[in-house]
Amino acid sequence: MLSPPSPATTAREAAFVPARREYKYLLPRRQLPALRAALDGICTRDAYAGPDGTYLIRSLYFDTIDLRLFQATERDAPERYNARLRHYPEAPRAPLMAEIKARRGDTIKKSRGLLSPDEWPAVLGSGAAPARPSSPLDNFISRLRIHDLRPVVLVQYRREAWASTLDEYARVSVDTEIVCCRQERLAFDMQGRGRPVDTPLPTWTSE
């Protein structure tokens, strides 16, 4: 079972995260032992992982009524962004992370604000855009209001993550058990509606 992040950690998380490069690969499950062996000695397990070295993530993605953010990703637009709210179901008292993940070429930059697990629907469901966004949370709310973003899809996956011991930049994560469902409300309940998307057939990989 995960524990909620400490105040010091949440203060660091609520920030404009430094730009980084991000690369994604499809990996057959049979290659996982070799990957873990390669990371041993140069990385450590994520501090918030459970006893099995993993943790569960649910991300609620926002988009326009005509799915402009999704379409930008589909056509591989050189400059685009995603707006999502991240929740850790195995740590229900942990803050929710409101993220704007912007891409320019192969460079990623995030702004990440925190929301109370009790108050987030009220915060996001009412009010106008901040006049001058001065914090990551203001930035998130401004995007929602200005571009009329609303919940569209809920994605859940189990993450196995490592952080580099050689520098503060590199991370490696493996996401499995990926499911998604349509979600048009400010809610994180899947209620058995999740559709698997990381099976061998759609990903053209083998077990």
C-alpha atoms as a PDB file:
ATOM      1  CA  MET A   1       0.000   0.000   0.000  1.00  0.00           C
ATOM      2  CA  LEU A   2       1.285   3.433  -0.899  1.00  0.00           C
ATOM      3  CA  SER A   3       1.633   6.258   1.593  1.00  0.00           C
ATOM      4  CA  PRO A   4       0.646   9.837   0.729  1.00  0.00           C
ATOM      5  CA  PRO A   5       3.617  12.011  -0.236  1.00  0.00           C
ATOM      6  CA  SER A   6       5.158  14.071   2.543  1.00  0.00           C
ATOM      7  CA  PRO A   7       4.647  17.887   2.639  1.00  0.00           C
ATOM      8  CA  ALA A   8       8.219  18.394   1.458  1.00  0.00           C
ATOM      9  CA  THR A   9       7.668  16.107  -1.514  1.00  0.00           C
ATOM     10  CA  THR A  10       4.369  17.676  -2.499  1.00  0.00           C
ATOM     11  CA  ALA A  11       5.969  21.108  -2.405  1.00  0.00           C
ATOM     12  CA  ARG A  12       8.558  19.930  -4.909  1.00  0.00           C
ATOM     13  CA  GLU A  13       5.917  18.275  -7.092  1.00  0.00           C
ATOM     14  CA  ALA A  14       3.799  21.433  -7.311  1.00  0.00           C
ATOM     15  CA  ALA A  15       6.068  23.147  -9.771  1.00  0.00           C
ATOM     16  CA  PHE A  16       7.045  23.725 -13.353  1.00  0.00           C
ATOM     17  CA  VAL A  17       9.063  20.562 -13.980  1.00  0.00           C
ATOM     18  CA  PRO A  18      12.338  21.068 -15.905  1.00  0.00           C
ATOM     19  CA  ALA A  19      12.257  20.184 -19.597  1.00  0.00           C
ATOM     20  CA  ARG A  20      13.384  16.696 -20.558  1.00  0.00           C
ATOM     21  CA  ARG A  21      13.408  14.299 -23.468  1.00  0.00           C
ATOM     22  CA  GLU A  22      11.028  11.367 -23.411  1.00  0.00           C
ATOM     23  CA  TYR A  23      11.100   8.183 -25.479  1.00  0.00           C
ATOM     24  CA  LYS A  24       8.529   5.372 -25.466  1.00  0.00           C
ATOM     25  CA  TYR A  25       8.935   1.778 -26.628  1.00  0.00           C
ATOM     26  CA  LEU A  26       6.791  -1.345 -26.821  1.00  0.00           C
ATOM     27  CA  LEU A  27       8.484  -4.115 -24.868  1.00  0.00           C
ATOM     28  CA  PRO A  28       7.487  -7.808 -24.833  1.00  0.00           C
ATOM     29  CA  ARG A  29       6.997  -9.026 -21.259  1.00  0.00           C
ATOM     30  CA  ARG A  30       9.631 -11.706 -21.712  1.00  0.00           C
ATOM     31  CA  GLN A  31      12.277  -8.954 -21.920  1.00  0.00           C
ATOM     32  CA  LEU A  32      11.423  -7.430 -18.530  1.00  0.00           C
ATOM     33  CA  PRO A  33      13.911  -9.548 -16.519  1.00  0.00           C
ATOM     34  CA  ALA A  34      16.742  -8.394 -18.790  1.00  0.00           C
ATOM     35  CA  LEU A  35      15.677  -4.763 -18.411  1.00  0.00           C
ATOM     36  CA  ARG A  36      15.574  -5.041 -14.619  1.00  0.00           C
ATOM     37  CA  ALA A  37      19.034  -6.621 -14.622  1.00  0.00           C
ATOM     38  CA  ALA A  38      20.394  -3.790 -16.780  1.00  0.00           C
ATOM     39  CA  LEU A  39      18.982  -1.147 -14.406  1.00  0.00           C
ATOM     40  CA  ASP A  40      20.287  -2.821 -11.270  1.00  0.00           C
ATOM     41  CA  GLY A  41      23.171  -0.802  -9.853  1.00  0.00           C
ATOM     42  CA  ILE A  42      22.446   2.404 -11.781  1.00  0.00           C
ATOM     43  CA  CYS A  43      18.837   2.981 -10.676  1.00  0.00           C
ATOM     44  CA  THR A  44      16.695   2.600  -7.565  1.00  0.00           C
ATOM     45  CA  ARG A  45      13.036   1.681  -7.310  1.00  0.00           C
ATOM     46  CA  ASP A  46      10.528   4.488  -7.027  1.00  0.00           C
ATOM     47  CA  ALA A  47      10.145   5.397  -3.358  1.00  0.00           C
ATOM     48  CA  TYR A  48       6.340   5.203  -3.504  1.00  0.00           C
ATOM     49  CA  ALA A  49       6.121   1.727  -5.018  1.00  0.00           C
ATOM     50  CA  GLY A  50       4.337  -1.016  -3.150  1.00  0.00           C
ATOM     51  CA  PRO A  51       5.877  -4.314  -1.977  1.00  0.00           C
ATOM     52  CA  ASP A  52       5.833  -5.669  -5.540  1.00  0.00           C
ATOM     53  CA  GLY A  53       7.689  -2.596  -6.855  1.00  0.00           C
ATOM     54  CA  THR A  54       4.666  -1.108  -8.626  1.00  0.00           C
ATOM     55  CA  TYR A  55       1.866   1.387  -8.058  1.00  0.00           C
ATOM     56  CA  LEU A  56      -1.481   2.063  -9.718  1.00  0.00           C
ATOM     57  CA  ILE A  57      -2.203   5.292 -11.622  1.00  0.00           C
ATOM     58  CA  ARG A  58      -5.450   6.693 -12.981  1.00  0.00           C
ATOM     59  CA  SER A  59      -5.315   9.706 -15.273  1.00  0.00           C
ATOM     60  CA  LEU A  60      -8.396  11.683 -16.287  1.00  0.00           C
ATOM     61  CA  TYR A  61      -7.693  13.386 -19.627  1.00  0.00           C
ATOM     62  CA  PHE A  62      -9.372  16.607 -20.757  1.00  0.00           C
ATOM     63  CA  ASP A  63     -10.038  17.762 -24.323  1.00  0.00           C
ATOM     64  CA  THR A  64     -12.213  20.061 -26.420  1.00  0.00           C
ATOM     65  CA  ILE A  65     -15.612  18.954 -27.675  1.00  0.00           C
ATOM     66  CA  ASP A  66     -14.050  18.179 -31.076  1.00  0.00           C
ATOM     67  CA  LEU A  67     -10.963  16.467 -29.535  1.00  0.00           C
ATOM     68  CA  ARG A  68      -8.378  18.956 -30.799  1.00  0.00           C
ATOM     69  CA  LEU A  69      -5.722  17.838 -28.308  1.00  0.00           C
ATOM     70  CA  PHE A  70      -6.128  14.207 -29.357  1.00  0.00           C
ATOM     71  CA  GLN A  71      -6.046  15.131 -33.049  1.00  0.00           C
ATOM     72  CA  ALA A  72      -2.799  17.058 -32.535  1.00  0.00           C
ATOM     73  CA  THR A  73      -1.231  13.921 -31.071  1.00  0.00           C
ATOM     74  CA  GLU A  74      -2.599  11.732 -33.870  1.00  0.00           C
ATOM     75  CA  ARG A  75      -1.014  13.913 -36.564  1.00  0.00           C
ATOM     76  CA  ASP A  76       2.198  14.200 -34.534  1.00  0.00           C
ATOM     77  CA  ALA A  77       2.006  17.989 -34.329  1.00  0.00           C
ATOM     78  CA  PRO A  78       5.463  19.391 -33.414  1.00  0.00           C
ATOM     79  CA  GLU A  79       3.942  21.525 -30.650  1.00  0.00           C
ATOM     80  CA  ARG A  80       1.086  20.158 -28.583  1.00  0.00           C
ATOM     81  CA  TYR A  81      -0.030  19.493 -25.012  1.00  0.00           C
ATOM     82  CA  ASN A  82      -2.175  17.224 -22.861  1.00  0.00           C
ATOM     83  CA  ALA A  83      -4.216  18.246 -19.845  1.00  0.00           C
ATOM     84  CA  ARG A  84      -4.751  15.520 -17.254  1.00  0.00           C
ATOM     85  CA  LEU A  85      -5.575  14.949 -13.626  1.00  0.00           C
ATOM     86  CA  ARG A  86      -3.595  12.132 -11.994  1.00  0.00           C
ATOM     87  CA  HIS A  87      -4.864  10.028  -9.096  1.00  0.00           C
ATOM     88  CA  TYR A  88      -3.240   7.189  -7.116  1.00  0.00           C
ATOM     89  CA  PRO A  89      -6.069   4.801  -6.109  1.00  0.00           C
ATOM     90  CA  GLU A  90      -3.864   2.863  -3.668  1.00  0.00           C
ATOM     91  CA  ALA A  91      -3.103   6.114  -1.786  1.00  0.00           C
ATOM     92  CA  PRO A  92      -6.561   7.739  -1.620  1.00  0.00           C
ATOM     93  CA  ARG A  93      -5.453  10.542   0.723  1.00  0.00           C
ATOM     94  CA  ALA A  94      -2.582  11.633  -1.533  1.00  0.00           C
ATOM     95  CA  PRO A  95      -3.051  14.915  -3.433  1.00  0.00           C
ATOM     96  CA  LEU A  96      -4.217  14.760  -7.024  1.00  0.00           C
ATOM     97  CA  MET A  97      -1.799  16.130  -9.620  1.00  0.00           C
ATOM     98  CA  ALA A  98      -3.149  18.576 -12.198  1.00  0.00           C
ATOM     99  CA  GLU A  99      -0.720  18.433 -15.114  1.00  0.00           C
ATOM    100  CA  ILE A 100      -0.167  20.242 -18.370  1.00  0.00           C
ATOM    101  CA  LYS A 101       2.267  18.131 -20.400  1.00  0.00           C
ATOM    102  CA  ALA A 102       3.569  20.160 -23.324  1.00  0.00           C
ATOM    103  CA  ARG A 103       5.692  18.778 -26.153  1.00  0.00           C
ATOM    104  CA  ARG A 104       7.898  20.696 -28.539  1.00  0.00           C
ATOM    105  CA  GLY A 105       9.650  18.284 -30.880  1.00  0.00           C
ATOM    106  CA  ASP A 106      11.057  15.551 -28.639  1.00  0.00           C
ATOM    107  CA  THR A 107      11.276  17.848 -25.606  1.00  0.00           C
ATOM    108  CA  ILE A 108       8.698  17.558 -22.823  1.00  0.00           C
ATOM    109  CA  LYS A 109       7.897  20.198 -20.238  1.00  0.00           C
ATOM    110  CA  LYS A 110       5.325  19.795 -17.460  1.00  0.00           C
ATOM    111  CA  SER A 111       3.597  22.103 -15.056  1.00  0.00           C
ATOM    112  CA  ARG A 112       2.153  20.238 -12.098  1.00  0.00           C
ATOM    113  CA  GLY A 113      -0.157  21.552  -9.399  1.00  0.00           C
ATOM    114  CA  LEU A 114      -1.766  19.787  -6.440  1.00  0.00           C
ATOM    115  CA  LEU A 115      -5.424  19.415  -5.569  1.00  0.00           C
ATOM    116  CA  SER A 116      -7.013  18.151  -2.374  1.00  0.00           C
ATOM    117  CA  PRO A 117      -8.642  14.704  -2.778  1.00  0.00           C
ATOM    118  CA  ASP A 118     -11.765  16.129  -1.109  1.00  0.00           C
ATOM    119  CA  GLU A 119     -12.072  19.489  -2.869  1.00  0.00           C
ATOM    120  CA  TRP A 120     -10.893  18.924  -6.442  1.00  0.00           C
ATOM    121  CA  PRO A 121     -14.325  18.555  -8.129  1.00  0.00           C
ATOM    122  CA  ALA A 122     -15.477  21.863  -6.645  1.00  0.00           C
ATOM    123  CA  VAL A 123     -12.234  23.625  -7.584  1.00  0.00           C
ATOM    124  CA  LEU A 124     -12.354  22.469 -11.203  1.00  0.00           C
ATOM    125  CA  GLY A 125     -16.110  22.618 -11.634  1.00  0.00           C
ATOM    126  CA  SER A 126     -16.661  26.288 -10.916  1.00  0.00           C
ATOM    127  CA  GLY A 127     -15.074  29.681 -11.242  1.00  0.00           C
ATOM    128  CA  ALA A 128     -13.416  31.686 -13.987  1.00  0.00           C
ATOM    129  CA  ALA A 129      -9.893  31.439 -15.338  1.00  0.00           C
ATOM    130  CA  PRO A 130      -7.265  33.178 -13.179  1.00  0.00           C
ATOM    131  CA  ALA A 131      -6.529  36.629 -14.593  1.00  0.00           C
ATOM    132  CA  ARG A 132      -2.773  36.083 -14.489  1.00  0.00           C
ATOM    133  CA  PRO A 133      -1.776  32.451 -13.971  1.00  0.00           C
ATOM    134  CA  SER A 134       1.060  32.482 -11.456  1.00  0.00           C
ATOM    135  CA  SER A 135       1.167  28.845 -10.340  1.00  0.00           C
ATOM    136  CA  PRO A 136       0.964  25.420 -11.991  1.00  0.00           C
ATOM    137  CA  LEU A 137      -2.582  24.961 -10.706  1.00  0.00           C
ATOM    138  CA  ASP A 138      -3.595  28.374 -12.099  1.00  0.00           C
ATOM    139  CA  ASN A 139      -2.063  27.333 -15.415  1.00  0.00           C
ATOM    140  CA  PHE A 140      -4.101  24.121 -15.454  1.00  0.00           C
ATOM    141  CA  ILE A 141      -7.386  25.845 -14.604  1.00  0.00           C
ATOM    142  CA  SER A 142      -6.719  28.590 -17.167  1.00  0.00           C
ATOM    143  CA  ARG A 143      -6.290  26.037 -19.937  1.00  0.00           C
ATOM    144  CA  LEU A 144      -9.538  24.322 -18.955  1.00  0.00           C
ATOM    145  CA  ARG A 145     -11.504  27.575 -18.962  1.00  0.00           C
ATOM    146  CA  ILE A 146      -9.971  29.318 -21.984  1.00  0.00           C
ATOM    147  CA  HIS A 147     -10.113  26.284 -24.289  1.00  0.00           C
ATOM    148  CA  ASP A 148     -13.297  24.791 -22.834  1.00  0.00           C
ATOM    149  CA  LEU A 149     -11.614  21.517 -21.935  1.00  0.00           C
ATOM    150  CA  ARG A 150     -13.760  18.828 -20.350  1.00  0.00           C
ATOM    151  CA  PRO A 151     -13.220  15.206 -19.185  1.00  0.00           C
ATOM    152  CA  VAL A 152     -13.139  12.740 -22.078  1.00  0.00           C
ATOM    153  CA  VAL A 153     -11.265   9.560 -21.125  1.00  0.00           C
ATOM    154  CA  LEU A 154      -9.988   7.766 -18.034  1.00  0.00           C
ATOM    155  CA  VAL A 155      -6.799   5.714 -18.319  1.00  0.00           C
ATOM    156  CA  GLN A 156      -5.507   3.288 -15.685  1.00  0.00           C
ATOM    157  CA  TYR A 157      -2.214   1.394 -15.596  1.00  0.00           C
ATOM    158  CA  ARG A 158       0.226  -0.203 -13.213  1.00  0.00           C
ATOM    159  CA  ARG A 159       3.681   1.403 -13.196  1.00  0.00           C
ATOM    160  CA  GLU A 160       7.049  -0.079 -12.331  1.00  0.00           C
ATOM    161  CA  ALA A 161       9.502   2.814 -12.084  1.00  0.00           C
ATOM    162  CA  TRP A 162      13.166   3.479 -11.412  1.00  0.00           C
ATOM    163  CA  ALA A 163      15.127   6.675 -10.795  1.00  0.00           C
ATOM    164  CA  SER A 164      18.749   7.100 -11.839  1.00  0.00           C
ATOM    165  CA  THR A 165      21.438   7.078  -9.143  1.00  0.00           C
ATOM    166  CA  LEU A 166      23.867   8.739 -11.564  1.00  0.00           C
ATOM    167  CA  ASP A 167      21.997  12.014 -12.051  1.00  0.00           C
ATOM    168  CA  GLU A 168      18.669  13.705 -11.244  1.00  0.00           C
ATOM    169  CA  TYR A 169      17.397  13.608 -14.814  1.00  0.00           C
ATOM    170  CA  ALA A 170      16.840  10.043 -15.927  1.00  0.00           C
ATOM    171  CA  ARG A 171      13.877   7.833 -15.085  1.00  0.00           C
ATOM    172  CA  VAL A 172      12.701   4.536 -16.516  1.00  0.00           C
ATOM    173  CA  SER A 173       9.134   3.347 -16.155  1.00  0.00           C
ATOM    174  CA  VAL A 174       7.252   0.303 -17.417  1.00  0.00           C
ATOM    175  CA  ASP A 175       3.474   0.578 -17.667  1.00  0.00           C
ATOM    176  CA  THR A 176       1.334  -2.567 -17.828  1.00  0.00           C
ATOM    177  CA  GLU A 177      -2.308  -3.588 -17.368  1.00  0.00           C
ATOM    178  CA  ILE A 178      -3.323  -0.496 -19.334  1.00  0.00           C
ATOM    179  CA  VAL A 179      -7.088   0.010 -19.609  1.00  0.00           C
ATOM    180  CA  CYS A 180      -9.209   2.985 -20.608  1.00  0.00           C
ATOM    181  CA  CYS A 181     -12.837   4.023 -20.740  1.00  0.00           C
ATOM    182  CA  ARG A 182     -14.876   7.008 -21.764  1.00  0.00           C
ATOM    183  CA  GLN A 183     -15.395   9.413 -18.885  1.00  0.00           C
ATOM    184  CA  GLU A 184     -17.334  12.651 -19.252  1.00  0.00           C
ATOM    185  CA  ARG A 185     -17.620  13.467 -15.558  1.00  0.00           C
ATOM    186  CA  LEU A 186     -15.180  14.775 -12.960  1.00  0.00           C
ATOM    187  CA  ALA A 187     -14.780  11.291 -11.488  1.00  0.00           C
ATOM    188  CA  PHE A 188     -12.227   8.492 -11.298  1.00  0.00           C
ATOM    189  CA  ASP A 189     -14.553   5.477 -11.090  1.00  0.00           C
ATOM    190  CA  MET A 190     -14.110   2.897 -13.852  1.00  0.00           C
ATOM    191  CA  GLN A 191     -16.789   0.493 -12.593  1.00  0.00           C
ATOM    192  CA  GLY A 192     -15.506  -2.385 -14.667  1.00  0.00           C
ATOM    193  CA  ARG A 193     -15.716  -0.434 -17.925  1.00  0.00           C
ATOM    194  CA  GLY A 194     -11.989  -0.505 -18.638  1.00  0.00           C
ATOM    195  CA  ARG A 195     -10.946  -1.678 -22.094  1.00  0.00           C
ATOM    196  CA  PRO A 196      -7.476  -3.330 -22.246  1.00  0.00           C
ATOM    197  CA  VAL A 197      -5.117  -1.634 -24.702  1.00  0.00           C
ATOM    198  CA  ASP A 198      -1.749  -3.307 -24.007  1.00  0.00           C
ATOM    199  CA  THR A 199      -2.556  -6.825 -25.208  1.00  0.00           C
ATOM    200  CA  PRO A 200      -0.389  -8.443 -27.920  1.00  0.00           C
ATOM    201  CA  LEU A 201      -2.923  -7.972 -30.742  1.00  0.00           C
ATOM    202  CA  PRO A 202      -3.247  -4.140 -30.802  1.00  0.00           C
ATOM    203  CA  THR A 203       0.385  -3.551 -29.834  1.00  0.00           C
ATOM    204  CA  TRP A 204       1.909  -6.143 -32.186  1.00  0.00           C
ATOM    205  CA  THR A 205       4.043  -7.597 -29.387  1.00  0.00           C
ATOM    206  CA  SER A 206       4.262 -11.039 -27.872  1.00  0.00           C
ATOM    207  CA  GLU A 207       3.878 -12.049 -24.250  1.00  0.00           C
END
